[in-house]
Protein backbone atom coordinates (compact mmCIF):
# COMPACT_ATOMS: atom_id res chain seq x y z
CA UNK A 1 -14.29 -13.14 31.58
CA UNK A 2 -17.53 -14.91 32.48
CA UNK A 3 -20.02 -14.97 29.61
CA UNK A 4 -23.64 -14.67 30.78
CA UNK A 5 -26.76 -15.45 28.79
CA UNK A 6 -30.21 -14.25 29.84
CA UNK A 7 -33.43 -16.09 29.05
CA UNK A 8 -36.05 -13.37 29.23
CA UNK A 9 -35.86 -9.69 28.34
CA UNK A 10 -38.51 -8.08 30.50
CA UNK A 11 -38.31 -5.68 33.44
CA UNK A 12 -36.20 -7.87 35.72
CA UNK A 13 -33.76 -8.79 32.95
CA UNK A 14 -33.25 -5.11 32.23
CA UNK A 15 -32.64 -4.46 35.92
CA UNK A 16 -30.04 -7.23 36.03
CA UNK A 17 -28.36 -5.93 32.89
CA UNK A 18 -28.06 -2.54 34.58
CA UNK A 19 -26.57 -4.26 37.62
CA UNK A 20 -23.88 -5.97 35.52
CA UNK A 21 -22.39 -2.57 34.71
CA UNK A 22 -20.94 -2.69 38.24
CA UNK A 23 -19.68 -6.30 38.16
CA UNK A 24 -16.11 -7.01 37.04
CA UNK A 25 -15.08 -9.79 34.67
CA UNK A 26 -18.64 -10.53 33.56
CA UNK A 27 -20.19 -9.67 30.22
CA UNK A 28 -23.65 -10.17 28.84
CA UNK A 29 -22.94 -12.39 25.85
CA UNK A 30 -26.46 -13.31 24.80
CA UNK A 31 -30.19 -12.93 25.20
CA UNK A 32 -33.00 -15.30 24.27
CA UNK A 33 -36.61 -14.15 24.61
CA UNK A 34 -39.82 -14.12 22.54
CA UNK A 35 -39.95 -10.32 22.80
CA UNK A 36 -37.63 -7.55 23.88
CA UNK A 37 -34.39 -9.42 23.15
CA UNK A 38 -33.18 -7.07 20.43
CA UNK A 39 -33.77 -3.98 22.57
CA UNK A 40 -32.04 -5.49 25.60
CA UNK A 41 -29.07 -6.56 23.48
CA UNK A 42 -28.76 -3.08 21.96
CA UNK A 43 -28.87 -1.48 25.40
CA UNK A 44 -26.25 -3.92 26.71
CA UNK A 45 -23.90 -3.18 23.83
CA UNK A 46 -24.43 0.54 24.30
CA UNK A 47 -23.59 0.27 28.00
CA UNK A 48 -20.38 -1.64 27.28
CA UNK A 49 -21.52 -5.02 28.58
CA UNK A 50 -20.00 -6.82 25.59
CA UNK A 51 -20.98 -7.81 22.07
CA UNK A 52 -24.39 -9.03 23.23
CA UNK A 53 -26.10 -11.25 20.66
CA UNK A 54 -29.66 -12.48 20.30
CA UNK A 55 -30.22 -16.24 20.13
CA UNK A 56 -33.38 -17.89 18.87
CA UNK A 57 -33.26 -20.99 21.10
CA UNK A 58 -32.18 -21.83 24.63
CA UNK A 59 -29.79 -24.49 23.31
CA UNK A 60 -28.00 -22.01 21.04
CA UNK A 61 -27.66 -19.60 23.95
CA UNK A 62 -26.36 -22.26 26.33
CA UNK A 63 -23.67 -23.34 23.87
CA UNK A 64 -22.45 -19.74 23.55
CA UNK A 65 -22.19 -18.79 27.24
CA UNK A 66 -20.71 -19.91 30.55
CA UNK A 67 -23.69 -19.04 32.73
CA UNK A 68 -27.37 -19.00 31.84
CA UNK A 69 -29.93 -16.99 33.82
CA UNK A 70 -33.65 -17.76 33.88
CA UNK A 71 -35.36 -14.36 33.97
CA UNK A 72 -38.60 -15.50 32.34
CA UNK A 73 -42.11 -15.54 33.86
CA UNK A 74 -42.72 -18.03 36.68
CA UNK A 75 -44.86 -20.38 34.59
CA UNK A 76 -41.97 -20.87 32.14
CA UNK A 77 -39.22 -21.78 34.62
CA UNK A 78 -39.72 -25.53 34.47
CA UNK A 79 -39.86 -25.79 30.67
CA UNK A 80 -36.78 -23.57 30.35
CA UNK A 81 -34.89 -25.76 32.81
CA UNK A 82 -35.76 -28.78 30.70
CA UNK A 83 -34.41 -26.94 27.64
CA UNK A 84 -31.20 -26.16 29.53
CA UNK A 85 -30.84 -29.83 30.49
CA UNK A 86 -31.24 -30.89 26.86
CA UNK A 87 -28.65 -28.32 25.82
CA UNK A 88 -26.19 -29.76 28.35
CA UNK A 89 -26.90 -33.27 27.10
CA UNK A 90 -26.15 -32.01 23.58
CA UNK A 91 -22.79 -30.54 24.44
CA UNK A 92 -23.32 -27.22 26.22
CA UNK A 93 -20.77 -26.75 29.02
CA UNK A 94 -22.11 -24.45 31.71
CA UNK A 95 -20.37 -23.12 34.81
CA UNK A 96 -23.61 -22.03 36.43
CA UNK A 97 -27.39 -21.77 36.21
CA UNK A 98 -29.26 -18.84 37.76
CA UNK A 99 -32.98 -18.63 38.48
CA UNK A 100 -34.72 -15.46 39.57
CA UNK A 101 -37.12 -15.71 42.51
CA UNK A 102 -39.44 -17.49 43.05
CA UNK A 103 -37.83 -20.74 41.97
CA UNK A 104 -41.21 -22.23 41.07
CA UNK A 105 -44.95 -21.82 41.50
CA UNK A 106 -45.28 -24.78 43.87
CA UNK A 107 -43.16 -27.36 45.64
CA UNK A 108 -43.64 -30.06 43.02
CA UNK A 109 -42.14 -27.77 40.36
CA UNK A 110 -39.37 -26.66 42.72
CA UNK A 111 -38.43 -30.28 43.43
CA UNK A 112 -38.05 -31.00 39.71
CA UNK A 113 -35.90 -27.90 39.15
CA UNK A 114 -33.61 -28.72 42.07
CA UNK A 115 -33.28 -32.39 41.07
CA UNK A 116 -32.50 -31.52 37.45
CA UNK A 117 -29.77 -29.10 38.48
CA UNK A 118 -28.27 -31.71 40.79
CA UNK A 119 -28.33 -34.34 38.02
CA UNK A 120 -26.57 -31.93 35.64
CA UNK A 121 -23.86 -31.27 38.26
CA UNK A 122 -23.88 -27.61 37.37
CA UNK A 123 -23.55 -25.05 40.19
CA UNK A 124 -26.67 -22.96 40.80
CA UNK A 125 -27.70 -19.58 42.13
CA UNK A 126 -31.16 -18.75 43.41
CA UNK A 127 -31.45 -15.01 42.94
CA UNK A 128 -32.97 -13.47 46.05
CA UNK A 129 -31.49 -9.99 46.04
CA UNK A 130 -32.66 -8.74 49.42
CA UNK A 131 -30.27 -10.97 51.35
CA UNK A 132 -27.46 -9.12 49.56
CA UNK A 133 -28.66 -5.56 50.32
CA UNK A 134 -25.53 -3.66 51.45
CA UNK A 135 -27.40 -1.88 54.26
CA UNK A 136 -28.65 -5.18 55.65
CA UNK A 137 -25.30 -6.94 55.32
CA UNK A 138 -23.47 -4.01 56.92
CA UNK A 139 -25.90 -3.90 59.85
CA UNK A 140 -25.31 -7.61 60.50
CA UNK A 141 -21.53 -7.15 60.29
CA UNK A 142 -21.57 -4.16 62.64
CA UNK A 143 -23.55 -6.12 65.20
CA UNK A 144 -21.71 -9.45 64.86
CA UNK A 145 -19.73 -9.04 68.09
CA UNK A 146 -22.84 -7.91 69.96
CA UNK A 147 -24.71 -10.94 68.66
CA UNK A 148 -21.94 -13.30 69.81
CA UNK A 149 -22.20 -11.90 73.33
CA UNK A 150 -25.95 -11.39 73.65
CA UNK A 151 -27.40 -13.99 71.26
CA UNK A 152 -28.99 -13.95 67.82
CA UNK A 153 -32.01 -11.92 66.73
CA UNK A 154 -35.26 -13.31 68.13
CA UNK A 155 -37.81 -11.31 66.12
CA UNK A 156 -37.59 -10.21 62.48
CA UNK A 157 -40.16 -8.18 60.57
CA UNK A 158 -39.86 -7.74 56.85
CA UNK A 159 -42.10 -6.09 54.30
CA UNK A 160 -42.17 -5.36 50.59
CA UNK A 161 -45.01 -3.20 49.34
CA UNK A 162 -45.92 -1.21 46.26
CA UNK A 163 -48.97 -0.34 44.18
CA UNK A 164 -48.95 -3.41 41.93
CA UNK A 165 -46.85 -5.34 39.38
CA UNK A 166 -45.81 -4.29 35.89
CA UNK A 167 -46.86 -7.08 33.54
CA UNK A 168 -50.36 -8.63 33.20
CA UNK A 169 -49.07 -12.17 33.85
CA UNK A 170 -48.05 -11.15 37.38
CA UNK A 171 -51.74 -10.63 38.13
CA UNK A 172 -52.79 -14.06 36.81
CA UNK A 173 -52.50 -16.46 39.77
CA UNK A 174 -52.44 -19.52 37.51
CA UNK A 175 -49.38 -18.19 35.68
CA UNK A 176 -47.62 -16.39 38.51
CA UNK A 177 -48.34 -18.96 41.22
CA UNK A 178 -50.61 -16.86 43.41
CA UNK A 179 -50.78 -13.23 44.37
CA UNK A 180 -48.53 -10.98 46.40
CA UNK A 181 -47.46 -13.79 48.79
CA UNK A 182 -45.86 -15.71 45.94
CA UNK A 183 -44.63 -12.64 44.07
CA UNK A 184 -43.05 -10.80 47.00
CA UNK A 185 -43.54 -13.07 49.99
CA UNK A 186 -40.59 -15.09 48.74
CA UNK A 187 -38.45 -11.97 49.33
CA UNK A 188 -39.77 -11.16 52.78
CA UNK A 189 -39.84 -14.73 54.07
CA UNK A 190 -36.26 -15.33 52.95
CA UNK A 191 -34.89 -12.08 54.35
CA UNK A 192 -36.78 -12.60 57.62
CA UNK A 193 -35.18 -16.00 58.03
CA UNK A 194 -31.79 -14.48 57.14
CA UNK A 195 -32.08 -11.80 59.83
CA UNK A 196 -32.81 -14.48 62.44
CA UNK A 197 -29.91 -16.70 61.36
CA UNK A 198 -26.73 -16.41 63.48
CA UNK A 199 -24.06 -14.55 61.50
CA UNK A 200 -21.66 -17.50 61.52
CA UNK A 201 -24.23 -19.95 60.09
CA UNK A 202 -25.37 -20.66 56.50
CA UNK A 203 -28.70 -19.18 55.24
CA UNK A 204 -30.52 -22.53 55.53
CA UNK A 205 -29.35 -23.20 59.08
CA UNK A 206 -32.59 -22.58 60.99
CA UNK A 207 -35.33 -25.21 61.12
CA UNK A 208 -38.85 -23.96 60.32
CA UNK A 209 -41.33 -25.24 62.90
CA UNK A 210 -44.70 -23.70 62.06
CA UNK A 211 -46.43 -21.26 59.72
CA UNK A 212 -49.56 -19.15 60.09
CA UNK A 213 -50.93 -16.77 57.48
CA UNK A 214 -53.67 -14.29 56.71
CA UNK A 215 -54.40 -13.23 53.13
CA UNK A 216 -56.99 -10.93 51.62
CA UNK A 217 -58.07 -9.06 48.51
CA UNK A 218 -58.48 -5.55 49.86
CA UNK A 219 -57.81 -3.10 47.02
CA UNK A 220 -57.78 -4.77 43.61
CA UNK A 221 -61.17 -6.45 44.04
CA UNK A 222 -62.94 -3.08 44.23
CA UNK A 223 -63.71 -0.32 41.78
CA UNK A 224 -62.08 1.56 40.23
CA UNK A 225 -59.16 -0.83 40.59
CA UNK A 226 -60.87 -3.99 39.39
CA UNK A 227 -61.94 -2.11 36.26
CA UNK A 228 -58.39 -1.01 35.60
CA UNK A 229 -57.23 -4.62 35.80
CA UNK A 230 -59.89 -5.64 33.27
CA UNK A 231 -58.49 -3.04 30.89
CA UNK A 232 -55.16 -4.87 31.15
CA UNK A 233 -56.75 -8.23 30.39
CA UNK A 234 -57.03 -9.49 33.97
CA UNK A 235 -60.44 -10.16 35.54
CA UNK A 236 -60.26 -10.37 39.34
CA UNK A 237 -64.00 -10.96 39.51
CA UNK A 238 -63.29 -14.40 38.02
CA UNK A 239 -59.76 -15.40 39.11
CA UNK A 240 -58.69 -13.15 42.00
CA UNK A 241 -55.46 -13.36 43.96
CA UNK A 242 -54.47 -11.84 47.27
CA UNK A 243 -53.11 -8.30 47.29
CA UNK A 244 -52.24 -8.53 51.00
CA UNK A 245 -50.56 -11.24 53.05
CA UNK A 246 -49.19 -11.56 56.56
CA UNK A 247 -47.10 -14.67 57.21
CA UNK A 248 -45.66 -15.63 60.58
CA UNK A 249 -43.01 -18.37 60.73
CA UNK A 250 -41.54 -19.93 63.84
CA UNK A 251 -37.94 -21.17 63.58
CA UNK A 252 -35.72 -23.22 65.87
CA UNK A 253 -31.95 -23.15 66.22
CA UNK A 254 -31.04 -26.86 65.78
CA UNK A 255 -28.03 -26.55 68.09
CA UNK A 256 -29.42 -24.50 70.96
CA UNK A 257 -33.15 -25.16 70.62
CA UNK A 258 -33.84 -21.40 70.84
CA UNK A 259 -37.04 -20.36 69.04
CA UNK A 260 -37.37 -17.18 66.96
CA UNK A 261 -40.13 -15.63 64.85
CA UNK A 262 -40.23 -13.96 61.42
CA UNK A 263 -43.16 -11.87 60.25
CA UNK A 264 -43.48 -11.16 56.52
CA UNK A 265 -45.96 -8.52 55.33
CA UNK A 266 -46.55 -7.92 51.64
CA UNK A 267 -49.04 -5.89 49.66
CA UNK A 268 -49.90 -4.55 46.21
CA UNK A 269 -51.85 -1.64 47.67
CA UNK A 270 -49.12 0.58 49.01
CA UNK A 271 -50.08 3.93 47.52
CA UNK A 272 -47.03 5.95 48.49
CA UNK A 273 -43.88 7.29 46.78
CA UNK A 274 -43.02 3.87 45.37
CA UNK A 275 -41.57 0.48 46.26
CA UNK A 276 -40.77 0.14 49.96
CA UNK A 277 -38.57 -2.50 51.54
CA UNK A 278 -38.75 -2.40 55.33
CA UNK A 279 -36.75 -4.72 57.58
CA UNK A 280 -36.57 -4.70 61.35
CA UNK A 281 -34.52 -7.03 63.51
CA UNK A 282 -34.85 -7.16 67.30
CA UNK A 283 -32.27 -9.02 69.35
CA UNK A 284 -31.51 -9.24 73.07
CA UNK A 285 -30.34 -5.69 73.80
CA UNK A 286 -29.97 -4.50 70.21
CA UNK A 287 -31.90 -3.88 67.00
CA UNK A 288 -31.56 -2.50 63.48
CA UNK A 289 -33.81 -1.26 60.69
CA UNK A 290 -33.54 -0.95 56.92
CA UNK A 291 -35.99 1.26 55.00
CA UNK A 292 -35.46 1.68 51.26
CA UNK A 293 -37.53 4.89 51.18
CA UNK A 294 -35.01 6.72 53.33
CA UNK A 295 -32.68 8.51 50.94
CA UNK A 296 -30.12 11.31 51.27
CA UNK A 297 -31.60 12.78 48.08
CA UNK A 298 -35.04 14.01 47.08
CA UNK A 299 -36.55 16.35 44.55
CA UNK A 300 -39.63 18.45 43.87
CA UNK A 301 -41.64 18.76 40.64
CA UNK A 302 -44.43 21.33 40.42
CA UNK A 303 -47.76 20.83 38.64
CA UNK A 304 -46.56 23.12 35.88
CA UNK A 305 -43.44 21.05 35.28
CA UNK A 306 -44.99 17.58 35.62
CA UNK A 307 -45.86 17.34 31.92
CA UNK A 308 -42.15 17.19 31.16
CA UNK A 309 -41.61 14.00 33.19
CA UNK A 310 -40.92 11.10 30.83
CA UNK A 311 -40.71 8.17 33.25
CA UNK A 312 -41.37 8.45 36.98
CA UNK A 313 -39.58 5.13 37.61
CA UNK A 314 -36.25 6.67 36.68
CA UNK A 315 -36.14 8.01 40.25
CA UNK A 316 -37.65 5.03 42.10
CA UNK A 317 -39.04 1.63 41.12
CA UNK A 318 -42.86 1.47 41.20
CA UNK A 319 -43.06 5.24 41.62
CA UNK A 320 -46.69 6.33 41.53
CA UNK A 321 -46.28 10.07 41.16
CA UNK A 322 -44.72 12.55 38.74
CA UNK A 323 -45.02 15.68 40.87
CA UNK A 324 -44.67 16.99 44.39
CA UNK A 325 -41.94 15.94 46.82
CA UNK A 326 -40.37 12.77 45.39
CA UNK A 327 -37.78 10.36 46.75
CA UNK A 328 -34.65 9.85 44.65
CA UNK A 329 -32.51 6.71 44.87
CA UNK A 330 -29.43 7.18 42.72
CA UNK A 331 -28.41 3.50 42.54
CA UNK A 332 -31.32 1.10 42.98
CA UNK A 333 -29.43 -2.02 41.74
CA UNK A 334 -26.98 -1.55 44.61
CA UNK A 335 -29.61 -0.51 47.15
CA UNK A 336 -31.69 -3.65 46.56
CA UNK A 337 -28.72 -6.03 46.50
CA UNK A 338 -28.68 -6.98 42.80
CA UNK A 339 -25.05 -6.04 42.23
CA UNK A 340 -23.73 -7.97 45.21
CA UNK A 341 -25.76 -11.08 44.38
CA UNK A 342 -24.15 -11.05 40.91
CA UNK A 343 -20.70 -10.66 42.43
CA UNK A 344 -21.38 -13.55 44.78
CA UNK A 345 -22.65 -15.83 42.01
CA UNK A 346 -19.86 -14.97 39.57
CA UNK A 347 -17.14 -15.62 42.15
CA UNK A 348 -18.72 -18.92 43.16
CA UNK A 349 -19.18 -20.17 39.59
CA UNK A 350 -15.55 -19.41 38.74
CA UNK A 351 -14.60 -21.74 41.61
CA UNK A 352 -17.05 -24.42 40.50
CA UNK A 353 -19.32 -23.86 43.52
CA UNK A 354 -22.93 -22.91 44.21
CA UNK A 355 -23.69 -19.31 45.07
CA UNK A 356 -24.57 -18.38 48.67
CA UNK A 357 -28.17 -19.25 47.78
CA UNK A 358 -28.69 -22.26 45.53
CA UNK A 359 -31.70 -24.06 44.05
CA UNK A 360 -32.10 -26.15 47.21
CA UNK A 361 -32.48 -22.93 49.17
CA UNK A 362 -35.01 -21.72 46.61
CA UNK A 363 -36.90 -24.98 47.11
CA UNK A 364 -37.05 -24.37 50.87
CA UNK A 365 -38.45 -20.87 50.35
CA UNK A 366 -41.07 -22.31 47.99
CA UNK A 367 -42.03 -24.82 50.67
CA UNK A 368 -42.56 -22.02 53.19
CA UNK A 369 -44.70 -20.09 50.70
CA UNK A 370 -46.85 -23.18 50.08
CA UNK A 371 -47.18 -23.68 53.84
CA UNK A 372 -48.42 -20.08 54.10
CA UNK A 373 -51.11 -20.64 51.46
CA UNK A 374 -52.13 -23.88 53.17
CA UNK A 375 -52.36 -22.12 56.54
CA UNK A 376 -54.59 -19.47 55.01
CA UNK A 377 -56.87 -22.04 53.33
CA UNK A 378 -57.19 -24.25 56.38
CA UNK A 379 -57.31 -21.31 58.80
CA UNK A 380 -54.90 -23.10 61.09
CA UNK A 381 -51.23 -23.26 62.02
CA UNK A 382 -49.23 -25.57 59.77
CA UNK A 383 -46.90 -27.85 61.72
CA UNK A 384 -43.72 -28.30 59.69
CA UNK A 385 -42.36 -30.89 62.09
CA UNK A 386 -45.16 -33.29 61.07
CA UNK A 387 -44.02 -35.72 58.31
CA UNK A 388 -47.60 -36.06 57.07
CA UNK A 389 -47.84 -32.29 56.53
CA UNK A 390 -44.53 -32.25 54.66
CA UNK A 391 -45.77 -35.01 52.35
CA UNK A 392 -49.00 -33.09 51.75
CA UNK A 393 -47.04 -29.98 50.78
CA UNK A 394 -45.11 -31.95 48.12
CA UNK A 395 -48.15 -32.08 45.81
CA UNK A 396 -50.13 -29.14 47.17
CA UNK A 397 -51.38 -26.48 44.74
CA UNK A 398 -53.13 -23.54 46.46
CA UNK A 399 -56.71 -22.76 45.48
CA UNK A 400 -55.61 -19.27 44.52
CA UNK A 401 -53.02 -20.75 42.15
CA UNK A 402 -55.73 -22.97 40.68
CA UNK A 403 -57.79 -19.87 39.83
CA UNK A 404 -60.26 -20.49 42.67
CA UNK A 405 -59.25 -17.55 44.83
CA UNK A 406 -62.82 -16.31 45.28
CA UNK A 407 -63.41 -19.30 47.60
CA UNK A 408 -60.77 -18.25 50.12
CA UNK A 409 -60.22 -14.49 49.84
CA UNK A 410 -61.80 -11.93 52.11
CA UNK A 411 -63.22 -9.12 49.99
CA UNK A 412 -63.30 -11.14 46.74
CA UNK A 413 -66.32 -10.26 44.66
């Protein structure tokens, strides 16, 4: 039985705890967080995930578990990793370290995280759930023989959109690392690259050649939305971040030289039933699509009955309505790939190996995100085959991440 400890007890930790109900031979042994730990532990015990205990320090948690998962806000990842390293130096014996996306706010932080994990010689898992979505994986498996005959996908489009994040820190670009491109672009960029990758190759097989990007503040810099953010303690008139991004990445197959393109579109202004994940892959003579808002189930709530609705997100993450025709997804952890990413990581850690996606992969995704911000700032295509550009990215911190988004965002007030 693999004992897991979670650092963080917010929304994503709760989602992962729910996912663990469907993962064999894993129990949630501990939680460490400045707030919410007691509630998460109680819920875990109630759901049969084990005798989940609350620990006051990262070191105490690490010494009590086999695997530790960083589910804390982005700005805390690096400090938590340092605490994990100290715990290992002081006797903690870990089989694995997990970090939720994005690995870090910039490439400099990502480099440190990846190097520390390598020095500790502890297997890692970079949690990017969308690559594990059953619908996506099944589509690739169904088309594997077609791909072998006709060739790999040459165009991938991926999108994640909803009406805006949960917690105030997500809106603070200095804490989160940017706006929607950092928050959700990491998903769409990674899954776009995955759809382009030949099915018999590892996820980091393709070589990124160039990046272009367009970002803007289209919704949350205007009233009444900017006023609503101020009520939550975030002032986008001072430190705005992008609520829309379109990133185009050109990749090359290192063996064949064939070039392919991924387009990643992300927004915090999708006023619709709720969170939408949309993936389209176009290959020579074939294609497939995944749309998370297509469900075999739906429901209707009248105006008269809407007052009885306790939590609209019980039906769909980021749901923005409590009445009318509503989409129902009965198992979101499975739909979005959380369960299968846990199964992959647990199996790998038991064998002493990295998960399918490790910290080095997370570092590469961070590099592509930074290249997107640089492309937007410079208003030019970023050449990732240029050694000078790669060196520049190592220490690059986007203006938006610095809190200077008003200088580079269309529509910023």
